[in-house]
C-alpha atoms as a PDB file:
ATOM      1  CA  MET A   1       5.336  22.292  24.921  1.00  0.00           C
ATOM      2  CA  HIS A   2       2.731  20.892  27.316  1.00  0.00           C
ATOM      3  CA  ASP A   3       1.830  17.228  27.211  1.00  0.00           C
ATOM      4  CA  LEU A   4      -1.097  16.599  24.914  1.00  0.00           C
ATOM      5  CA  GLU A   5      -3.805  14.733  26.791  1.00  0.00           C
ATOM      6  CA  PRO A   6      -6.950  14.360  24.664  1.00  0.00           C
ATOM      7  CA  THR A   7      -9.854  14.733  27.074  1.00  0.00           C
ATOM      8  CA  GLY A   8     -13.334  16.186  26.848  1.00  0.00           C
ATOM      9  CA  SER A   9     -14.074  17.463  23.363  1.00  0.00           C
ATOM     10  CA  ALA A  10     -10.480  16.934  22.167  1.00  0.00           C
ATOM     11  CA  THR A  11     -10.631  13.316  21.110  1.00  0.00           C
ATOM     12  CA  ALA A  12      -7.849  12.940  18.559  1.00  0.00           C
ATOM     13  CA  LEU A  13      -4.309  14.028  17.793  1.00  0.00           C
ATOM     14  CA  ARG A  14      -3.342  15.155  14.299  1.00  0.00           C
ATOM     15  CA  PHE A  15       0.167  15.293  12.856  1.00  0.00           C
ATOM     16  CA  GLY A  16       0.861  15.667   9.166  1.00  0.00           C
ATOM     17  CA  ARG A  17      -1.712  13.628   7.295  1.00  0.00           C
ATOM     18  CA  PHE A  18      -2.217  11.243  10.228  1.00  0.00           C
ATOM     19  CA  VAL A  19      -4.901  11.297  12.920  1.00  0.00           C
ATOM     20  CA  LEU A  20      -4.431   9.287  16.108  1.00  0.00           C
ATOM     21  CA  HIS A  21      -7.498   8.326  18.177  1.00  0.00           C
ATOM     22  CA  PRO A  22      -6.224   7.292  21.625  1.00  0.00           C
ATOM     23  CA  GLN A  23      -9.543   6.063  23.026  1.00  0.00           C
ATOM     24  CA  ARG A  24     -10.324   4.006  19.932  1.00  0.00           C
ATOM     25  CA  ARG A  25      -6.676   2.922  19.603  1.00  0.00           C
ATOM     26  CA  LEU A  26      -6.819   3.792  15.938  1.00  0.00           C
ATOM     27  CA  LEU A  27      -4.289   5.443  13.621  1.00  0.00           C
ATOM     28  CA  LEU A  28      -5.610   6.884  10.378  1.00  0.00           C
ATOM     29  CA  ASP A  29      -3.733   7.936   7.263  1.00  0.00           C
ATOM     30  CA  GLY A  30      -6.363  10.321   5.964  1.00  0.00           C
ATOM     31  CA  ASP A  31      -9.473   8.129   6.148  1.00  0.00           C
ATOM     32  CA  ARG A  32      -7.552   4.840   5.914  1.00  0.00           C
ATOM     33  CA  PRO A  33      -6.864   2.864   9.110  1.00  0.00           C
ATOM     34  CA  LEU A  34      -3.259   1.720   9.389  1.00  0.00           C
ATOM     35  CA  PRO A  35      -2.329  -1.715  10.742  1.00  0.00           C
ATOM     36  CA  ILE A  36      -0.200  -1.250  13.830  1.00  0.00           C
ATOM     37  CA  GLY A  37       0.801  -3.605  16.620  1.00  0.00           C
ATOM     38  CA  ALA A  38      -0.437  -3.036  20.148  1.00  0.00           C
ATOM     39  CA  ARG A  39       2.989  -2.156  21.582  1.00  0.00           C
ATOM     40  CA  ALA A  40       3.936   0.098  18.675  1.00  0.00           C
ATOM     41  CA  LEU A  41       0.667   1.961  19.171  1.00  0.00           C
ATOM     42  CA  ASP A  42       1.324   2.319  22.909  1.00  0.00           C
ATOM     43  CA  ILE A  43       4.773   3.758  22.142  1.00  0.00           C
ATOM     44  CA  LEU A  44       3.294   6.170  19.615  1.00  0.00           C
ATOM     45  CA  LEU A  45       0.791   7.386  22.207  1.00  0.00           C
ATOM     46  CA  VAL A  46       3.563   8.031  24.727  1.00  0.00           C
ATOM     47  CA  LEU A  47       5.656   9.962  22.211  1.00  0.00           C
ATOM     48  CA  VAL A  48       2.848  11.955  20.614  1.00  0.00           C
ATOM     49  CA  GLU A  49       1.357  12.981  23.954  1.00  0.00           C
ATOM     50  CA  SER A  50       4.786  14.390  24.863  1.00  0.00           C
ATOM     51  CA  ALA A  51       5.517  15.828  21.423  1.00  0.00           C
ATOM     52  CA  GLY A  52       8.516  18.155  21.380  1.00  0.00           C
ATOM     53  CA  LYS A  53      10.021  16.605  24.502  1.00  0.00           C
ATOM     54  CA  ILE A  54      12.641  13.912  24.939  1.00  0.00           C
ATOM     55  CA  VAL A  55      11.144  10.799  26.516  1.00  0.00           C
ATOM     56  CA  SER A  56      13.716   8.490  28.051  1.00  0.00           C
ATOM     57  CA  LYS A  57      13.813   4.854  27.045  1.00  0.00           C
ATOM     58  CA  GLU A  58      13.196   3.922  30.666  1.00  0.00           C
ATOM     59  CA  ALA A  59      10.060   6.079  30.793  1.00  0.00           C
ATOM     60  CA  ILE A  60       8.686   4.546  27.595  1.00  0.00           C
ATOM     61  CA  ILE A  61       9.343   1.012  28.820  1.00  0.00           C
ATOM     62  CA  ALA A  62       7.705   1.787  32.174  1.00  0.00           C
ATOM     63  CA  ARG A  63       4.569   3.079  30.408  1.00  0.00           C
ATOM     64  CA  VAL A  64       4.309   0.407  27.733  1.00  0.00           C
ATOM     65  CA  TRP A  65       5.458  -2.635  29.729  1.00  0.00           C
ATOM     66  CA  PRO A  66       4.334  -1.922  33.311  1.00  0.00           C
ATOM     67  CA  ARG A  67       5.324  -4.577  35.845  1.00  0.00           C
ATOM     68  CA  THR A  68       7.231  -6.450  33.124  1.00  0.00           C
ATOM     69  CA  PHE A  69      10.994  -6.596  32.593  1.00  0.00           C
ATOM     70  CA  VAL A  70      11.986  -6.151  28.953  1.00  0.00           C
ATOM     71  CA  GLU A  71      15.301  -5.592  27.207  1.00  0.00           C
ATOM     72  CA  GLU A  72      15.958  -2.324  25.417  1.00  0.00           C
ATOM     73  CA  ILE A  73      16.087  -4.277  22.143  1.00  0.00           C
ATOM     74  CA  ASN A  74      12.322  -4.842  22.476  1.00  0.00           C
ATOM     75  CA  LEU A  75      11.773  -1.104  22.442  1.00  0.00           C
ATOM     76  CA  ARG A  76      14.006  -0.654  19.392  1.00  0.00           C
ATOM     77  CA  VAL A  77      12.145  -3.395  17.517  1.00  0.00           C
ATOM     78  CA  HIS A  78       8.780  -1.705  18.114  1.00  0.00           C
ATOM     79  CA  ILE A  79      10.173   1.733  17.274  1.00  0.00           C
ATOM     80  CA  SER A  80      11.360   0.300  13.943  1.00  0.00           C
ATOM     81  CA  ALA A  81       7.916  -1.222  13.332  1.00  0.00           C
ATOM     82  CA  LEU A  82       6.302   2.113  14.143  1.00  0.00           C
ATOM     83  CA  ARG A  83       8.582   3.932  11.711  1.00  0.00           C
ATOM     84  CA  ARG A  84       7.648   1.416   9.012  1.00  0.00           C
ATOM     85  CA  VAL A  85       3.951   2.086   9.582  1.00  0.00           C
ATOM     86  CA  LEU A  86       4.468   5.839   9.407  1.00  0.00           C
ATOM     87  CA  GLY A  87       6.741   5.364   6.413  1.00  0.00           C
ATOM     88  CA  VAL A  88       3.746   5.455   4.068  1.00  0.00           C
ATOM     89  CA  CYS A  89       4.262   9.218   4.267  1.00  0.00           C
ATOM     90  CA  PRO A  90       7.688  10.452   3.049  1.00  0.00           C
ATOM     91  CA  GLN A  91       7.710  13.311   5.564  1.00  0.00           C
ATOM     92  CA  SER A  92       7.333  10.837   8.456  1.00  0.00           C
ATOM     93  CA  ARG A  93      11.054  10.020   8.393  1.00  0.00           C
ATOM     94  CA  ASP A  94      11.545  13.021  10.658  1.00  0.00           C
ATOM     95  CA  TYR A  95       8.646  12.324  13.030  1.00  0.00           C
ATOM     96  CA  ILE A  96      10.584  10.234  15.565  1.00  0.00           C
ATOM     97  CA  THR A  97      14.157  11.112  16.398  1.00  0.00           C
ATOM     98  CA  ASN A  98      16.609   9.134  18.486  1.00  0.00           C
ATOM     99  CA  VAL A  99      18.428  11.430  20.919  1.00  0.00           C
ATOM    100  CA  ARG A 100      21.652   9.615  21.693  1.00  0.00           C
ATOM    101  CA  GLN A 101      21.862   8.277  25.254  1.00  0.00           C
ATOM    102  CA  ARG A 102      18.711  10.191  26.222  1.00  0.00           C
ATOM    103  CA  GLY A 103      15.711   8.623  24.495  1.00  0.00           C
ATOM    104  CA  TYR A 104      13.265   9.433  21.726  1.00  0.00           C
ATOM    105  CA  SER A 105      11.370  12.541  20.716  1.00  0.00           C
ATOM    106  CA  PHE A 106       8.342  13.070  18.498  1.00  0.00           C
ATOM    107  CA  VAL A 107       9.259  16.258  16.654  1.00  0.00           C
ATOM    108  CA  ALA A 108       6.340  16.731  14.257  1.00  0.00           C
ATOM    109  CA  HIS A 109       3.756  19.415  15.029  1.00  0.00           C
ATOM    110  CA  VAL A 110       0.792  17.842  16.845  1.00  0.00           C
ATOM    111  CA  GLU A 111      -2.604  19.454  17.263  1.00  0.00           C
ATOM    112  CA  LEU A 112      -5.666  18.431  19.229  1.00  0.00           C
ATOM    113  CA  VAL A 113      -8.703  17.704  17.095  1.00  0.00           C
ATOM    114  CA  SER A 114     -12.045  18.368  18.740  1.00  0.00           C
ATOM    115  CA  GLN A 115     -15.003  16.084  18.254  1.00  0.00           C
ATOM    116  CA  ALA A 116     -16.774  18.818  16.293  1.00  0.00           C
ATOM    117  CA  GLU A 117     -13.847  19.185  13.877  1.00  0.00           C
ATOM    118  CA  ASN A 118     -13.411  15.478  13.432  1.00  0.00           C
ATOM    119  CA  ASP A 119     -17.054  14.480  13.246  1.00  0.00           C
ATOM    120  CA  ALA A 120     -18.351  12.921  10.060  1.00  0.00           C
ATOM    121  CA  PRO A 121     -21.064  10.375   9.406  1.00  0.00           C
ATOM    122  CA  ARG A 122     -19.700   7.309  11.111  1.00  0.00           C
ATOM    123  CA  ALA A 123     -19.072   4.300   8.948  1.00  0.00           C
ATOM    124  CA  PRO A 124     -20.436   0.955  10.134  1.00  0.00           C
ATOM    125  CA  SER A 125     -16.877  -0.065  10.989  1.00  0.00           C
ATOM    126  CA  GLU A 126     -16.698   2.765  13.513  1.00  0.00           C
ATOM    127  CA  LEU A 127     -19.859   1.893  15.377  1.00  0.00           C
ATOM    128  CA  PRO A 128     -19.400   0.562  18.922  1.00  0.00           C
ATOM    129  CA  THR A 129     -19.820  -3.170  18.370  1.00  0.00           C
ATOM    130  CA  LEU A 130     -17.433  -4.492  21.028  1.00  0.00           C
ATOM    131  CA  PRO A 131     -17.680  -4.590  24.820  1.00  0.00           C
ATOM    132  CA  GLY A 132     -16.924  -1.114  26.110  1.00  0.00           C
ATOM    133  CA  ARG A 133     -14.115  -2.000  28.489  1.00  0.00           C
ATOM    134  CA  ALA A 134     -10.561  -1.355  27.352  1.00  0.00           C
ATOM    135  CA  VAL A 135      -8.509  -4.527  27.013  1.00  0.00           C
ATOM    136  CA  ARG A 136      -4.868  -4.406  28.101  1.00  0.00           C
ATOM    137  CA  ILE A 137      -2.986  -7.645  28.652  1.00  0.00           C
ATOM    138  CA  GLU A 138       0.591  -8.632  29.339  1.00  0.00           C
ATOM    139  CA  GLY A 139       2.630 -11.478  27.905  1.00  0.00           C
ATOM    140  CA  ARG A 140       0.529 -12.236  24.804  1.00  0.00           C
ATOM    141  CA  GLU A 141       1.877  -9.603  22.401  1.00  0.00           C
ATOM    142  CA  ARG A 142       3.381 -12.119  19.976  1.00  0.00           C
ATOM    143  CA  LEU A 143       0.161 -14.124  19.823  1.00  0.00           C
ATOM    144  CA  ILE A 144      -1.930 -10.975  19.283  1.00  0.00           C
ATOM    145  CA  ASP A 145       0.384  -9.706  16.547  1.00  0.00           C
ATOM    146  CA  GLU A 146       0.367 -13.124  14.831  1.00  0.00           C
ATOM    147  CA  LEU A 147      -3.431 -13.341  14.923  1.00  0.00           C
ATOM    148  CA  THR A 148      -3.681  -9.772  13.601  1.00  0.00           C
ATOM    149  CA  ARG A 149      -1.437 -10.683  10.666  1.00  0.00           C
ATOM    150  CA  ARG A 150      -3.325 -13.878   9.856  1.00  0.00           C
ATOM    151  CA  LEU A 151      -6.855 -12.586  10.226  1.00  0.00           C
ATOM    152  CA  PRO A 152      -7.148 -10.831   6.826  1.00  0.00           C
ATOM    153  CA  THR A 153      -6.321 -14.108   5.043  1.00  0.00           C
ATOM    154  CA  ARG A 154      -8.480 -16.459   7.123  1.00  0.00           C
ATOM    155  CA  ARG A 155     -12.236 -16.917   7.209  1.00  0.00           C
ATOM    156  CA  HIS A 156     -12.107 -18.602  10.598  1.00  0.00           C
ATOM    157  CA  ILE A 157      -9.569 -18.761  13.456  1.00  0.00           C
ATOM    158  CA  THR A 158     -10.161 -20.813  16.600  1.00  0.00           C
ATOM    159  CA  LEU A 159      -8.386 -20.177  19.914  1.00  0.00           C
ATOM    160  CA  ILE A 160      -8.112 -23.349  21.983  1.00  0.00           C
ATOM    161  CA  GLY A 161      -7.116 -23.684  25.618  1.00  0.00           C
ATOM    162  CA  PRO A 162      -8.352 -24.463  29.145  1.00  0.00           C
ATOM    163  CA  GLY A 163     -10.955 -22.228  30.697  1.00  0.00           C
ATOM    164  CA  GLY A 164      -9.603 -19.051  32.261  1.00  0.00           C
ATOM    165  CA  VAL A 165      -6.354 -18.740  30.280  1.00  0.00           C
ATOM    166  CA  GLY A 166      -7.546 -15.617  28.502  1.00  0.00           C
ATOM    167  CA  LYS A 167      -8.871 -16.755  25.123  1.00  0.00           C
ATOM    168  CA  THR A 168     -11.697 -14.206  25.114  1.00  0.00           C
ATOM    169  CA  THR A 169      -9.383 -11.428  26.286  1.00  0.00           C
ATOM    170  CA  VAL A 170      -6.937 -12.141  23.454  1.00  0.00           C
ATOM    171  CA  ALA A 171      -9.780 -12.311  20.920  1.00  0.00           C
ATOM    172  CA  LEU A 172     -11.170  -8.979  22.119  1.00  0.00           C
ATOM    173  CA  ARG A 173      -7.752  -7.336  21.900  1.00  0.00           C
ATOM    174  CA  VAL A 174      -7.356  -8.551  18.307  1.00  0.00           C
ATOM    175  CA  ALA A 175     -10.890  -7.373  17.535  1.00  0.00           C
ATOM    176  CA  GLN A 176     -10.144  -3.911  18.935  1.00  0.00           C
ATOM    177  CA  GLN A 177      -7.231  -3.624  16.523  1.00  0.00           C
ATOM    178  CA  GLN A 178      -9.585  -4.357  13.625  1.00  0.00           C
ATOM    179  CA  LEU A 179     -11.909  -1.433  14.334  1.00  0.00           C
ATOM    180  CA  GLY A 180     -12.068   0.634  11.176  1.00  0.00           C
ATOM    181  CA  GLN A 181     -10.682  -2.175   8.993  1.00  0.00           C
ATOM    182  CA  PHE A 182     -13.949  -3.663   7.721  1.00  0.00           C
ATOM    183  CA  ALA A 183     -16.854  -1.927   6.020  1.00  0.00           C
ATOM    184  CA  ASP A 184     -19.420  -3.894   8.039  1.00  0.00           C
ATOM    185  CA  GLY A 185     -17.712  -3.381  11.365  1.00  0.00           C
ATOM    186  CA  VAL A 186     -16.425  -5.734  14.037  1.00  0.00           C
ATOM    187  CA  ARG A 187     -18.844  -7.658  16.230  1.00  0.00           C
ATOM    188  CA  PHE A 188     -18.685  -9.630  19.469  1.00  0.00           C
ATOM    189  CA  ALA A 189     -21.061 -12.539  19.970  1.00  0.00           C
ATOM    190  CA  ASP A 190     -21.095 -14.125  23.425  1.00  0.00           C
ATOM    191  CA  LEU A 191     -21.755 -17.840  22.922  1.00  0.00           C
ATOM    192  CA  ALA A 192     -21.188 -18.835  26.537  1.00  0.00           C
ATOM    193  CA  THR A 193     -24.909 -19.163  27.212  1.00  0.00           C
ATOM    194  CA  LEU A 194     -25.648 -21.431  24.242  1.00  0.00           C
ATOM    195  CA  ASP A 195     -26.838 -24.836  25.371  1.00  0.00           C
ATOM    196  CA  GLU A 196     -27.748 -26.245  21.949  1.00  0.00           C
ATOM    197  CA  PRO A 197     -25.366 -26.345  18.944  1.00  0.00           C
ATOM    198  CA  ALA A 198     -28.356 -25.876  16.640  1.00  0.00           C
ATOM    199  CA  ARG A 199     -28.774 -22.312  17.951  1.00  0.00           C
ATOM    200  CA  LEU A 200     -25.280 -21.212  16.866  1.00  0.00           C
ATOM    201  CA  ALA A 201     -26.192 -20.025  13.373  1.00  0.00           C
ATOM    202  CA  ALA A 202     -29.246 -18.090  14.556  1.00  0.00           C
ATOM    203  CA  THR A 203     -27.277 -16.453  17.374  1.00  0.00           C
ATOM    204  CA  LEU A 204     -24.509 -15.309  15.057  1.00  0.00           C
ATOM    205  CA  ALA A 205     -26.998 -14.074  12.477  1.00  0.00           C
ATOM    206  CA  SER A 206     -28.859 -12.086  15.113  1.00  0.00           C
ATOM    207  CA  GLU A 207     -25.631 -10.490  16.357  1.00  0.00           C
ATOM    208  CA  ILE A 208     -24.642  -9.243  12.891  1.00  0.00           C
ATOM    209  CA  GLY A 209     -28.169  -8.249  11.894  1.00  0.00           C
ATOM    210  CA  ILE A 210     -28.968 -10.938   9.338  1.00  0.00           C
ATOM    211  CA  ALA A 211     -32.491 -12.297   9.105  1.00  0.00           C
ATOM    212  CA  VAL A 212     -32.567 -16.096   9.060  1.00  0.00           C
ATOM    213  CA  PRO A 213     -35.593 -17.562   7.276  1.00  0.00           C
ATOM    214  CA  LYS A 214     -37.498 -20.152   9.262  1.00  0.00           C
ATOM    215  CA  ALA A 215     -37.332 -23.689   7.948  1.00  0.00           C
END
């Protein structure tokens, strides 16, 4: 089986009742987005794009953790997390097999889904509301996963640290993982240019499309 590389009109990968959108980094169970950690999603992409083949543990680690040394236990932990996510479907128990001393294989049938097949009126949550650049970072996986877990139960989370340590990058990565999770979408408001605290409310309101009555 040839590697599946969704390019051009083929924008998604379908297996069973799941649809994986590589560019949007989104896994759907039917129409429902599934919560999945960044590393687990990277591993799923590697396996699905080589469906039917055995991918060595070394090859997966090299793709998912480039330029970073990790123990094999890290891979097993994320594989287990991935299996839990896919476990919402009883048939998914056979999707990922462990080939002893060789690696892992994604054995479910995978098909490319063209944009025309997969097009539907886009929900507000699917609209492009974040900066277009892809965000990939190293060394902050635990922080990103923790923020992703806490976000649904918090109205407000503040990241604090010196300038240049990557607060915005982390926030954008968390935001990318929320695409498809909220009916009103996910927005990015750049507050770096604000010079007066009084303008904060109006700036946020403008970004999310809320009219603020003048005093």
